[in-house]
Amino acid sequence: MLSNLLQSQVNEHHMYVITQEGHAVVLDRRFNHRVVRKMPGSKGSIRAATLLAHDNMEFLITGGCDRYLRVYDVT
C-alpha cells in the first residue's frame, strides 16, 4: 500500500513513494512500477516528504517520527 507519491522532476521514469509502513522507495515506471531502490536511514515512519530540484540535481527531503529531517541526493 502506498501513502505518498512524488513524481521525479529530473527523471521522468522515477517515482518516489512513501509506503504506509513509512519507508521511502524509488519506483521505475518502465518496469511496471518495480522498486529499484530503497532509501536507507529512517528509524521510524516517515510523515512528510517533498522533492527539491535544482540544476539537474534532485533531493528527496523527509521528516519522520524519529524527529530527524533527512535529505537524500537521489541523482
N, C-alpha and C. Protein backbone atom coordinates (compact mmCIF):
# COMPACT_ATOMS: atom_id res chain seq x y z
N MET A 1 0.83 -1.18 0.00
CA MET A 1 0.00 0.00 0.00
C MET A 1 0.88 1.25 0.00
N LEU A 2 0.45 2.27 -0.70
CA LEU A 2 1.21 3.50 -0.84
C LEU A 2 0.49 4.62 -0.12
N SER A 3 1.26 5.53 0.47
CA SER A 3 0.62 6.63 1.16
C SER A 3 0.99 7.99 0.59
N ASN A 4 2.13 8.10 -0.13
CA ASN A 4 2.55 9.38 -0.68
C ASN A 4 3.35 9.13 -1.94
N LEU A 5 2.95 9.74 -3.04
CA LEU A 5 3.64 9.59 -4.33
C LEU A 5 4.22 10.93 -4.75
N LEU A 6 5.47 10.92 -5.21
CA LEU A 6 6.13 12.12 -5.71
C LEU A 6 6.75 11.79 -7.06
N GLN A 7 6.42 12.54 -8.09
CA GLN A 7 6.98 12.34 -9.42
C GLN A 7 8.31 13.06 -9.53
N SER A 8 9.32 12.36 -10.03
CA SER A 8 10.62 12.97 -10.21
C SER A 8 10.54 14.08 -11.24
N GLN A 9 11.25 15.17 -10.99
CA GLN A 9 11.29 16.28 -11.92
C GLN A 9 12.48 16.19 -12.86
N VAL A 10 13.44 15.32 -12.54
CA VAL A 10 14.64 15.16 -13.35
C VAL A 10 14.54 13.93 -14.24
N ASN A 11 14.10 12.80 -13.69
CA ASN A 11 13.98 11.55 -14.43
C ASN A 11 12.50 11.22 -14.56
N GLU A 12 11.98 11.26 -15.78
CA GLU A 12 10.55 11.07 -15.99
C GLU A 12 10.08 9.65 -15.67
N HIS A 13 10.98 8.70 -15.52
CA HIS A 13 10.61 7.31 -15.25
C HIS A 13 10.55 6.98 -13.77
N HIS A 14 11.05 7.84 -12.90
CA HIS A 14 11.12 7.54 -11.48
C HIS A 14 10.00 8.21 -10.70
N MET A 15 9.50 7.47 -9.72
CA MET A 15 8.53 7.99 -8.76
C MET A 15 9.06 7.67 -7.38
N TYR A 16 8.95 8.61 -6.47
CA TYR A 16 9.37 8.42 -5.09
C TYR A 16 8.12 8.18 -4.25
N VAL A 17 8.16 7.10 -3.49
CA VAL A 17 6.97 6.66 -2.78
C VAL A 17 7.28 6.49 -1.30
N ILE A 18 6.37 6.96 -0.48
CA ILE A 18 6.43 6.69 0.95
C ILE A 18 5.34 5.65 1.21
N THR A 19 5.74 4.47 1.66
CA THR A 19 4.79 3.40 1.89
C THR A 19 4.04 3.64 3.20
N GLN A 20 2.99 2.86 3.43
CA GLN A 20 2.23 3.00 4.66
C GLN A 20 3.05 2.63 5.88
N GLU A 21 4.07 1.80 5.68
CA GLU A 21 4.97 1.48 6.79
C GLU A 21 5.94 2.62 7.06
N GLY A 22 6.02 3.59 6.15
CA GLY A 22 6.86 4.76 6.37
C GLY A 22 8.24 4.67 5.77
N HIS A 23 8.43 3.85 4.77
CA HIS A 23 9.73 3.71 4.12
C HIS A 23 9.72 4.41 2.76
N ALA A 24 10.82 5.07 2.43
CA ALA A 24 10.94 5.75 1.14
C ALA A 24 11.56 4.79 0.14
N VAL A 25 10.92 4.65 -1.03
CA VAL A 25 11.43 3.78 -2.10
C VAL A 25 11.31 4.51 -3.42
N VAL A 26 12.07 4.03 -4.42
CA VAL A 26 12.02 4.57 -5.77
C VAL A 26 11.40 3.52 -6.68
N LEU A 27 10.37 3.91 -7.42
CA LEU A 27 9.74 3.02 -8.40
C LEU A 27 10.13 3.47 -9.79
N ASP A 28 10.31 2.50 -10.69
CA ASP A 28 10.62 2.80 -12.08
C ASP A 28 9.41 2.46 -12.94
N ARG A 29 8.88 3.45 -13.63
CA ARG A 29 7.68 3.27 -14.44
C ARG A 29 7.93 2.40 -15.67
N ARG A 30 9.18 2.29 -16.11
CA ARG A 30 9.48 1.46 -17.29
C ARG A 30 9.33 -0.02 -17.00
N PHE A 31 9.47 -0.40 -15.74
CA PHE A 31 9.43 -1.82 -15.37
C PHE A 31 8.20 -2.13 -14.53
N ASN A 32 7.04 -1.60 -14.95
CA ASN A 32 5.77 -1.87 -14.29
C ASN A 32 5.79 -1.44 -12.82
N HIS A 33 6.36 -0.29 -12.55
CA HIS A 33 6.43 0.31 -11.21
C HIS A 33 7.15 -0.59 -10.20
N ARG A 34 8.23 -1.18 -10.63
CA ARG A 34 9.03 -2.05 -9.76
C ARG A 34 9.92 -1.20 -8.85
N VAL A 35 10.13 -1.65 -7.62
CA VAL A 35 11.02 -0.96 -6.68
C VAL A 35 12.45 -1.15 -7.16
N VAL A 36 13.15 -0.03 -7.41
CA VAL A 36 14.53 -0.11 -7.88
C VAL A 36 15.53 0.32 -6.81
N ARG A 37 15.04 1.01 -5.77
CA ARG A 37 15.96 1.46 -4.71
C ARG A 37 15.15 1.76 -3.45
N LYS A 38 15.74 1.45 -2.31
CA LYS A 38 15.16 1.82 -1.02
C LYS A 38 16.08 2.85 -0.37
N MET A 39 15.49 3.88 0.20
CA MET A 39 16.26 4.92 0.85
C MET A 39 16.57 4.50 2.28
N PRO A 40 17.84 4.45 2.65
CA PRO A 40 18.20 3.99 4.00
C PRO A 40 18.08 5.12 5.02
N GLY A 41 18.05 4.75 6.29
CA GLY A 41 18.26 5.75 7.31
C GLY A 41 17.14 5.97 8.29
N SER A 42 15.89 5.93 7.89
CA SER A 42 14.84 6.29 8.84
C SER A 42 14.64 5.20 9.87
N LYS A 43 14.47 5.59 11.12
CA LYS A 43 14.28 4.65 12.22
C LYS A 43 12.82 4.57 12.66
N GLY A 44 11.99 5.38 12.08
CA GLY A 44 10.56 5.37 12.35
C GLY A 44 9.84 5.69 11.06
N SER A 45 8.55 5.75 11.11
CA SER A 45 7.83 6.00 9.88
C SER A 45 7.99 7.45 9.43
N ILE A 46 7.96 7.66 8.14
CA ILE A 46 8.09 8.98 7.54
C ILE A 46 6.71 9.62 7.47
N ARG A 47 6.61 10.84 7.95
CA ARG A 47 5.33 11.55 7.99
C ARG A 47 5.19 12.61 6.90
N ALA A 48 6.29 13.12 6.39
CA ALA A 48 6.23 14.16 5.36
C ALA A 48 7.39 13.98 4.39
N ALA A 49 7.13 14.27 3.12
CA ALA A 49 8.17 14.15 2.10
C ALA A 49 7.93 15.18 1.01
N THR A 50 9.03 15.67 0.44
CA THR A 50 8.94 16.61 -0.68
C THR A 50 10.19 16.46 -1.53
N LEU A 51 10.12 16.96 -2.76
CA LEU A 51 11.24 16.94 -3.69
C LEU A 51 11.72 18.35 -3.94
N LEU A 52 13.03 18.48 -4.09
CA LEU A 52 13.65 19.75 -4.45
C LEU A 52 14.57 19.49 -5.62
N ALA A 53 14.33 20.16 -6.74
CA ALA A 53 15.17 20.00 -7.93
C ALA A 53 15.88 21.32 -8.21
N HIS A 54 17.19 21.21 -8.49
CA HIS A 54 17.98 22.40 -8.77
C HIS A 54 19.16 22.01 -9.66
N ASP A 55 19.29 22.67 -10.81
CA ASP A 55 20.41 22.45 -11.74
C ASP A 55 20.65 20.98 -12.06
N ASN A 56 19.59 20.29 -12.49
CA ASN A 56 19.65 18.89 -12.89
C ASN A 56 20.07 17.96 -11.74
N MET A 57 19.88 18.42 -10.51
CA MET A 57 20.08 17.59 -9.32
C MET A 57 18.73 17.53 -8.60
N GLU A 58 18.52 16.44 -7.89
CA GLU A 58 17.24 16.28 -7.20
C GLU A 58 17.48 15.74 -5.80
N PHE A 59 16.72 16.27 -4.85
CA PHE A 59 16.84 15.86 -3.45
C PHE A 59 15.48 15.48 -2.92
N LEU A 60 15.43 14.37 -2.21
CA LEU A 60 14.23 13.94 -1.51
C LEU A 60 14.42 14.31 -0.04
N ILE A 61 13.48 15.08 0.50
CA ILE A 61 13.56 15.54 1.87
C ILE A 61 12.42 14.90 2.64
N THR A 62 12.77 14.20 3.75
CA THR A 62 11.75 13.51 4.53
C THR A 62 11.84 13.92 6.00
N GLY A 63 10.71 13.88 6.65
CA GLY A 63 10.62 14.12 8.09
C GLY A 63 9.87 12.97 8.72
N GLY A 64 10.41 12.41 9.78
CA GLY A 64 9.82 11.21 10.34
C GLY A 64 9.49 11.31 11.81
N CYS A 65 8.96 10.21 12.33
CA CYS A 65 8.58 10.13 13.75
C CYS A 65 9.80 10.14 14.67
N ASP A 66 10.98 9.87 14.12
CA ASP A 66 12.19 9.90 14.95
C ASP A 66 12.72 11.32 15.11
N ARG A 67 11.99 12.32 14.61
CA ARG A 67 12.28 13.75 14.75
C ARG A 67 13.54 14.19 14.03
N TYR A 68 13.87 13.52 12.94
CA TYR A 68 15.01 13.90 12.11
C TYR A 68 14.52 14.30 10.73
N LEU A 69 15.19 15.27 10.15
CA LEU A 69 14.97 15.67 8.77
C LEU A 69 16.10 15.06 7.95
N ARG A 70 15.74 14.24 6.97
CA ARG A 70 16.76 13.58 6.14
C ARG A 70 16.70 14.11 4.73
N VAL A 71 17.86 14.35 4.14
CA VAL A 71 17.97 14.84 2.77
C VAL A 71 18.74 13.80 1.97
N TYR A 72 18.09 13.26 0.94
CA TYR A 72 18.69 12.25 0.08
C TYR A 72 19.01 12.87 -1.28
N ASP A 73 20.24 12.69 -1.74
CA ASP A 73 20.61 13.09 -3.10
C ASP A 73 20.24 11.92 -4.00
N VAL A 74 19.13 12.02 -4.69
CA VAL A 74 18.63 10.88 -5.47
C VAL A 74 19.21 10.82 -6.87
N THR A 75 19.98 11.83 -7.26
CA THR A 75 20.61 11.75 -8.58
C THR A 75 21.90 11.00 -8.46
